[in-house]
Amino acid sequence: MQLTLLTPTQILLDTPVDKIDVEAIDGFFTLLPRHIDFITSLRSSILSYTIQNKTYYAACDHGVLVK
């Protein structure tokens, strides 16, 4: 699964990941490979993603997640 973090002016991150944990306006959820495609609005929160059993974090003020 590919994670791309974008701002209006640049690409911050573009890397393959194993898992993504994030908070949307309707609650927390986890994305795994082969998850159903959807779009949701993100809340101000900390997004975490896992690459080969190592977890990384990114702050999210607000945004849109497209799977």
Protein backbone atom coordinates (compact mmCIF):
# COMPACT_ATOMS: atom_id res chain seq x y z
CA MET A 1 0.00 0.00 0.00
CA GLN A 2 1.39 3.42 -0.91
CA LEU A 3 1.12 6.44 1.45
CA THR A 4 1.43 9.91 -0.07
CA LEU A 5 1.21 12.98 2.18
CA LEU A 6 0.52 16.16 0.22
CA THR A 7 0.31 19.86 0.98
CA PRO A 8 -0.89 22.46 -1.55
CA THR A 9 2.74 23.18 -2.48
CA GLN A 10 4.69 19.92 -2.13
CA ILE A 11 4.80 16.18 -1.58
CA LEU A 12 5.93 15.54 2.00
CA LEU A 13 6.07 11.75 1.86
CA ASP A 14 5.60 9.06 -0.77
CA THR A 15 6.44 5.58 0.53
CA PRO A 16 5.06 2.02 0.70
CA VAL A 17 3.52 1.19 4.12
CA ASP A 18 2.08 -1.86 5.86
CA LYS A 19 -0.60 -0.12 7.96
CA ILE A 20 -2.09 3.35 8.55
CA ASP A 21 -3.92 4.47 11.73
CA VAL A 22 -5.83 7.75 11.46
CA GLU A 23 -8.74 9.70 12.98
CA ALA A 24 -11.54 10.82 10.67
CA ILE A 25 -14.54 12.96 11.58
CA ASP A 26 -16.47 9.80 12.47
CA GLY A 27 -13.77 8.09 14.55
CA PHE A 28 -10.47 6.20 14.48
CA PHE A 29 -9.75 3.51 11.92
CA THR A 30 -6.92 1.42 10.48
CA LEU A 31 -6.16 0.91 6.81
CA LEU A 32 -4.54 -2.35 5.77
CA PRO A 33 -3.63 -3.55 2.27
CA ARG A 34 -6.70 -4.53 0.21
CA HIS A 35 -8.98 -2.24 2.27
CA ILE A 36 -12.08 -1.07 0.41
CA ASP A 37 -11.69 2.23 -1.47
CA PHE A 38 -13.32 5.31 0.08
CA ILE A 39 -12.92 9.02 0.86
CA THR A 40 -13.22 10.68 4.29
CA SER A 41 -12.44 13.99 6.02
CA LEU A 42 -9.67 13.94 8.63
CA ARG A 43 -9.69 15.65 12.02
CA SER A 44 -6.78 17.39 13.67
CA SER A 45 -4.86 14.40 15.02
CA ILE A 46 -1.70 12.31 14.79
CA LEU A 47 -1.57 9.91 11.85
CA SER A 48 0.60 6.83 12.37
CA TYR A 49 1.92 4.46 9.75
CA THR A 50 3.94 1.27 9.98
CA ILE A 51 6.79 0.19 7.74
CA GLN A 52 8.33 -3.23 8.48
CA ASN A 53 7.16 -3.26 12.14
CA LYS A 54 8.45 0.27 12.84
CA THR A 55 5.88 2.99 13.54
CA TYR A 56 6.19 6.59 12.35
CA TYR A 57 3.98 9.59 13.16
CA ALA A 58 2.78 12.66 11.28
CA ALA A 59 0.67 15.57 12.56
CA CYS A 60 -2.50 16.33 10.60
CA ASP A 61 -4.29 19.67 11.08
CA HIS A 62 -7.13 18.66 8.75
CA GLY A 63 -7.44 17.10 5.34
CA VAL A 64 -8.94 14.48 3.10
CA LEU A 65 -7.98 10.82 2.94
CA VAL A 66 -8.47 9.01 -0.36
CA LYS A 67 -8.00 5.23 -0.42
